[in-house]
Amino acid sequence: MRVYVTGQSGSGKTKTARAIASIHGIPHCQSDRIRHPSAPEYVSGAEVNKEVFAAGLRQYSERSDWVIDGILYNRALRRDMMDRADEIVYLALPLVTSERQVFKRRRRRRKPITLEFVRRRGRKARQYPRHKRQLQEDLQPYSAKTVSLCSHRDIDRYLAELRARADVGVAAAN
């Protein structure tokens, strides 16, 4: 099984992807880890060799089973991941919910909430409608294999359904 999890920053992509991978017993790849392999966490604004990143992500996605999470602003690369995926999980949480998570995560990592950080988040928030529109356009051809989740409650229900199906599969195998 191949699952691509996408959504805006702070929507819960990594947490959801880890849970999906755990339920299915398949490997999880956080695209930020390919983008910044030596960084202990995502480094915003770091220079990235886009060709090396794309090659690394495509190489990982050649496996038979995976869960990959990431935003993937490069539309060609995003479409490639959508083509390769058996299922696409789109976390379409409200912007205010996601931004709240970004600030909570920053505090949890004991990073200062500086004026520059707030300005950068403001720029991202202003770009969000355009990015969301592009992502939704890119998802259109894949509607049959896309699951859109609009709240934390939706995510919890989806994961509970996956667990129940996995448990039924294990019971049937025994």
Protein backbone atom coordinates (compact mmCIF):
# COMPACT_ATOMS: atom_id res chain seq x y z
CA MET A 1 0.00 0.00 0.00
CA ARG A 2 1.20 3.49 -0.86
CA VAL A 3 -0.31 6.48 0.94
CA TYR A 4 0.47 10.16 0.36
CA VAL A 5 -0.61 12.50 3.20
CA THR A 6 -0.79 16.21 2.41
CA GLY A 7 -2.19 19.43 3.86
CA GLN A 8 -0.94 22.79 5.11
CA SER A 9 1.68 23.31 7.81
CA GLY A 10 0.36 22.30 11.21
CA SER A 11 -2.51 20.20 9.85
CA GLY A 12 -1.15 17.00 11.40
CA LYS A 13 0.42 15.38 8.35
CA THR A 14 3.27 13.68 10.18
CA LYS A 15 1.18 12.51 13.13
CA THR A 16 -1.48 11.11 10.78
CA ALA A 17 1.09 9.52 8.47
CA ARG A 18 2.87 7.84 11.39
CA ALA A 19 -0.44 6.41 12.60
CA ILE A 20 -1.32 5.09 9.12
CA ALA A 21 2.12 3.52 8.78
CA SER A 22 1.83 1.91 12.22
CA ILE A 23 -1.64 0.51 11.48
CA HIS A 24 -0.51 -1.01 8.18
CA GLY A 25 2.97 -1.96 9.38
CA ILE A 26 4.65 -0.12 6.53
CA PRO A 27 7.47 2.46 6.46
CA HIS A 28 6.81 6.17 6.90
CA CYS A 29 8.80 8.93 5.23
CA GLN A 30 8.50 12.55 6.27
CA SER A 31 9.46 14.51 3.16
CA ASP A 32 11.17 17.12 5.36
CA ARG A 33 13.66 14.42 6.42
CA ILE A 34 14.68 13.94 2.79
CA ARG A 35 14.79 17.70 2.26
CA HIS A 36 16.90 18.24 5.40
CA PRO A 37 18.50 14.87 6.26
CA SER A 38 20.96 16.25 8.80
CA ALA A 39 18.51 18.58 10.55
CA PRO A 40 16.97 17.32 13.81
CA GLU A 41 13.76 19.04 12.72
CA TYR A 42 12.47 21.03 9.78
CA VAL A 43 14.61 24.06 8.99
CA SER A 44 12.39 26.72 7.48
CA GLY A 45 13.90 28.75 4.69
CA ALA A 46 17.01 26.58 4.31
CA GLU A 47 18.52 26.31 0.87
CA VAL A 48 17.55 23.02 -0.70
CA ASN A 49 18.88 21.36 -3.82
CA LYS A 50 15.50 20.72 -5.42
CA GLU A 51 16.79 18.08 -7.83
CA VAL A 52 18.41 16.07 -5.03
CA PHE A 53 15.24 16.34 -2.96
CA ALA A 54 12.99 15.24 -5.84
CA ALA A 55 15.30 12.33 -6.69
CA GLY A 56 15.36 11.19 -3.05
CA LEU A 57 11.59 11.34 -2.75
CA ARG A 58 11.05 9.51 -6.04
CA GLN A 59 13.57 6.85 -5.02
CA TYR A 60 11.77 6.32 -1.72
CA SER A 61 8.41 6.10 -3.51
CA GLU A 62 9.64 3.24 -5.71
CA ARG A 63 9.17 0.90 -2.73
CA SER A 64 6.13 -1.36 -2.78
CA ASP A 65 4.73 0.03 0.48
CA TRP A 66 5.08 3.49 2.00
CA VAL A 67 3.41 6.41 3.68
CA ILE A 68 4.88 9.76 2.64
CA ASP A 69 3.80 13.04 4.17
CA GLY A 70 4.57 16.50 2.94
CA ILE A 71 3.29 19.67 1.35
CA LEU A 72 5.38 19.45 -1.85
CA TYR A 73 5.04 22.93 -3.33
CA ASN A 74 6.54 21.67 -6.59
CA ARG A 75 3.37 20.75 -8.46
CA ALA A 76 5.04 18.26 -10.80
CA LEU A 77 6.56 16.37 -7.86
CA ARG A 78 3.25 16.53 -5.96
CA ARG A 79 1.39 15.09 -8.97
CA ASP A 80 4.03 12.38 -9.29
CA MET A 81 3.44 11.34 -5.65
CA MET A 82 -0.32 11.40 -6.28
CA ASP A 83 0.15 9.17 -9.34
CA ARG A 84 2.21 6.68 -7.36
CA ALA A 85 -0.09 6.61 -4.31
CA ASP A 86 -2.87 4.07 -3.84
CA GLU A 87 -4.56 6.51 -1.45
CA ILE A 88 -4.21 10.24 -0.87
CA VAL A 89 -5.13 11.66 2.52
CA TYR A 90 -5.79 15.41 2.32
CA LEU A 91 -5.89 17.18 5.66
CA ALA A 92 -8.06 20.21 4.94
CA LEU A 93 -8.26 21.67 8.43
CA PRO A 94 -9.22 25.33 8.85
CA LEU A 95 -6.24 27.69 8.59
CA VAL A 96 -6.73 28.98 12.15
CA THR A 97 -6.53 25.40 13.50
CA SER A 98 -3.34 24.65 11.59
CA GLU A 99 -1.66 27.92 12.53
CA ARG A 100 -2.48 27.31 16.19
CA GLN A 101 -0.70 23.94 15.87
CA VAL A 102 2.34 25.60 14.26
CA PHE A 103 2.67 27.96 17.25
CA LYS A 104 2.13 25.13 19.77
CA ARG A 105 4.77 23.02 18.03
CA ARG A 106 7.23 25.91 18.11
CA ARG A 107 6.69 26.42 21.85
CA ARG A 108 6.97 22.68 22.48
CA ARG A 109 10.35 22.70 20.71
CA ARG A 110 11.34 25.61 22.95
CA LYS A 111 11.97 27.88 19.98
CA PRO A 112 11.30 31.59 20.41
CA ILE A 113 8.28 33.13 18.75
CA THR A 114 10.06 36.08 17.21
CA LEU A 115 8.67 38.96 15.20
CA GLU A 116 10.32 37.46 12.11
CA PHE A 117 8.58 34.12 12.75
CA VAL A 118 5.19 35.84 13.13
CA ARG A 119 5.77 37.82 9.91
CA ARG A 120 6.77 34.64 8.04
CA ARG A 121 3.61 32.87 9.28
CA GLY A 122 1.59 35.92 8.17
CA ARG A 123 3.07 35.68 4.67
CA LYS A 124 2.25 31.97 4.58
CA ALA A 125 -1.31 32.70 5.71
CA ARG A 126 -1.73 35.22 2.88
CA GLN A 127 -0.41 32.64 0.37
CA TYR A 128 -2.65 29.91 1.77
CA PRO A 129 -5.77 30.55 -0.40
CA ARG A 130 -3.70 30.29 -3.60
CA HIS A 131 -1.86 27.20 -2.41
CA LYS A 132 -5.09 25.54 -1.27
CA ARG A 133 -6.72 26.25 -4.63
CA GLN A 134 -3.73 24.73 -6.49
CA LEU A 135 -3.71 21.67 -4.25
CA GLN A 136 -7.44 21.13 -4.74
CA GLU A 137 -6.99 21.47 -8.52
CA ASP A 138 -4.21 18.88 -8.40
CA LEU A 139 -6.40 16.53 -6.34
CA GLN A 140 -9.33 16.65 -8.81
CA PRO A 141 -8.12 13.85 -11.12
CA TYR A 142 -7.49 11.64 -8.06
CA SER A 143 -10.87 12.10 -6.36
CA ALA A 144 -11.57 8.34 -6.42
CA LYS A 145 -8.55 7.66 -4.24
CA THR A 146 -8.58 10.83 -2.10
CA VAL A 147 -9.84 11.01 1.47
CA SER A 148 -10.46 14.61 2.62
CA LEU A 149 -10.42 15.16 6.36
CA CYS A 150 -11.57 18.57 7.63
CA SER A 151 -11.16 18.31 11.41
CA HIS A 152 -9.28 16.46 14.13
CA ARG A 153 -12.49 14.49 14.72
CA ASP A 154 -12.48 13.41 11.03
CA ILE A 155 -8.85 12.31 11.36
CA ASP A 156 -9.62 10.31 14.51
CA ARG A 157 -12.60 8.59 12.83
CA TYR A 158 -10.55 7.77 9.73
CA LEU A 159 -7.75 6.23 11.82
CA ALA A 160 -10.29 4.26 13.90
CA GLU A 161 -11.81 2.86 10.69
CA LEU A 162 -8.34 1.88 9.45
CA ARG A 163 -7.60 0.13 12.75
CA ALA A 164 -10.92 -1.73 12.62
CA ARG A 165 -10.28 -2.90 9.04
CA ALA A 166 -6.75 -3.95 9.96
CA ASP A 167 -8.06 -5.90 12.98
CA VAL A 168 -10.65 -7.66 10.78
CA GLY A 169 -7.91 -8.53 8.30
CA VAL A 170 -5.72 -10.01 11.07
CA ALA A 171 -8.66 -11.98 12.52
CA ALA A 172 -9.56 -13.35 9.06
CA ALA A 173 -5.95 -14.42 8.47
CA ASN A 174 -5.97 -16.43 11.72
